[in-house]
Amino acid sequence: MGISPTLKRDKIELMFLANGYFLRNSDKEPIKYKYVCSVMIPPQLVMTGAILKMETMSKAAAGSMNYMMYGNIGLQIFLSVSMQLFWGKVNTL
């Protein structure tokens, strides 16, 4: 596998080690052992400003969701304790 920021295309080579699971499309026979399939793909992304901004925003969103989750757990505990006391008083009447 070759990934380079200077090339217009990157090359991925895939070697099949378990040939019994994969069949050729033409005659439905298993492919040969250690069959190599090569393909050229577009170059991979480099860390640009937009990607860095998205990463920062996702970290901020994850932090606020954690805050909301812990707040919800705390509220549920508080309500369960207060409702237990409330129903205890109701049952004594």
Protein backbone atom coordinates (compact mmCIF):
# COMPACT_ATOMS: atom_id res chain seq x y z
CA MET A 1 0.00 0.00 0.00
CA GLY A 2 1.43 3.37 -0.94
CA ILE A 3 0.01 6.65 0.34
CA SER A 4 1.73 9.82 -0.72
CA PRO A 5 0.55 13.46 -0.60
CA THR A 6 2.48 14.21 -3.80
CA LEU A 7 0.97 11.54 -6.06
CA LYS A 8 -2.30 12.15 -7.86
CA ARG A 9 -3.46 8.62 -7.04
CA ASP A 10 -2.64 6.15 -4.26
CA LYS A 11 -2.31 2.41 -4.81
CA ILE A 12 -3.90 -0.24 -2.58
CA GLU A 13 -3.03 -3.91 -2.96
CA LEU A 14 -5.31 -6.50 -1.42
CA MET A 15 -4.05 -10.08 -0.96
CA PHE A 16 -6.66 -12.82 -0.39
CA LEU A 17 -5.34 -15.42 2.04
CA ALA A 18 -8.61 -17.35 2.48
CA ASN A 19 -9.38 -18.19 -1.13
CA GLY A 20 -12.35 -20.51 -0.45
CA TYR A 21 -14.60 -17.63 0.62
CA PHE A 22 -14.24 -15.61 -2.59
CA LEU A 23 -15.51 -16.70 -6.01
CA ARG A 24 -14.66 -15.35 -9.45
CA ASN A 25 -17.58 -13.59 -11.08
CA SER A 26 -17.03 -15.25 -14.46
CA ASP A 27 -17.15 -18.97 -13.57
CA LYS A 28 -17.99 -19.02 -9.82
CA GLU A 29 -14.76 -20.88 -8.99
CA PRO A 30 -12.66 -19.96 -5.93
CA ILE A 31 -9.88 -17.48 -6.60
CA LYS A 32 -6.30 -18.76 -6.38
CA TYR A 33 -4.41 -18.68 -3.08
CA LYS A 34 -2.68 -15.33 -2.33
CA TYR A 35 -4.47 -13.60 -5.21
CA VAL A 36 -3.51 -9.91 -5.31
CA CYS A 37 -5.94 -7.23 -6.39
CA SER A 38 -4.50 -3.75 -7.05
CA VAL A 39 -6.53 -0.59 -7.33
CA MET A 40 -5.69 3.10 -7.67
CA ILE A 41 -7.66 5.44 -5.39
CA PRO A 42 -7.76 9.24 -5.00
CA PRO A 43 -5.18 10.68 -2.60
CA GLN A 44 -6.07 10.59 1.08
CA LEU A 45 -7.01 13.78 2.90
CA VAL A 46 -4.39 15.81 4.66
CA MET A 47 -5.11 17.80 7.80
CA THR A 48 -6.53 21.03 6.46
CA GLY A 49 -8.01 23.90 8.42
CA ALA A 50 -11.57 22.70 7.80
CA ILE A 51 -10.80 19.23 9.13
CA LEU A 52 -9.12 20.70 12.21
CA LYS A 53 -12.16 22.94 12.84
CA MET A 54 -14.50 19.96 12.56
CA GLU A 55 -12.34 18.02 15.01
CA THR A 56 -12.45 20.87 17.55
CA MET A 57 -16.19 21.27 17.16
CA SER A 58 -16.78 17.55 17.63
CA LYS A 59 -14.71 17.55 20.82
CA ALA A 60 -16.76 20.49 22.14
CA ALA A 61 -20.02 18.73 21.25
CA ALA A 62 -18.84 15.54 22.96
CA GLY A 63 -17.98 17.52 26.10
CA SER A 64 -21.39 19.17 26.26
CA MET A 65 -23.14 15.83 25.70
CA ASN A 66 -21.15 14.32 28.58
CA TYR A 67 -22.23 17.25 30.77
CA MET A 68 -25.88 16.68 29.83
CA MET A 69 -25.60 12.93 30.49
CA TYR A 70 -24.08 13.38 33.95
CA GLY A 71 -26.64 16.08 34.76
CA ASN A 72 -29.46 13.76 33.73
CA ILE A 73 -28.09 10.93 35.91
CA GLY A 74 -27.81 13.29 38.89
CA LEU A 75 -31.36 14.57 38.34
CA GLN A 76 -32.71 11.00 38.13
CA ILE A 77 -31.02 10.06 41.41
CA PHE A 78 -32.34 13.19 43.11
CA LEU A 79 -35.89 12.57 41.86
CA SER A 80 -35.85 8.90 42.85
CA VAL A 81 -34.75 9.75 46.41
CA SER A 82 -37.30 12.56 46.78
CA MET A 83 -40.13 10.44 45.34
CA GLN A 84 -39.22 7.63 47.75
CA LEU A 85 -39.54 10.05 50.67
CA PHE A 86 -42.78 11.47 49.25
CA TRP A 87 -44.43 8.06 48.80
CA GLY A 88 -43.23 7.04 52.25
CA LYS A 89 -45.14 10.02 53.72
CA VAL A 90 -48.21 9.31 51.55
CA ASN A 91 -48.34 5.69 52.70
CA THR A 92 -48.24 6.69 56.38
CA LEU A 93 -51.44 8.77 56.04
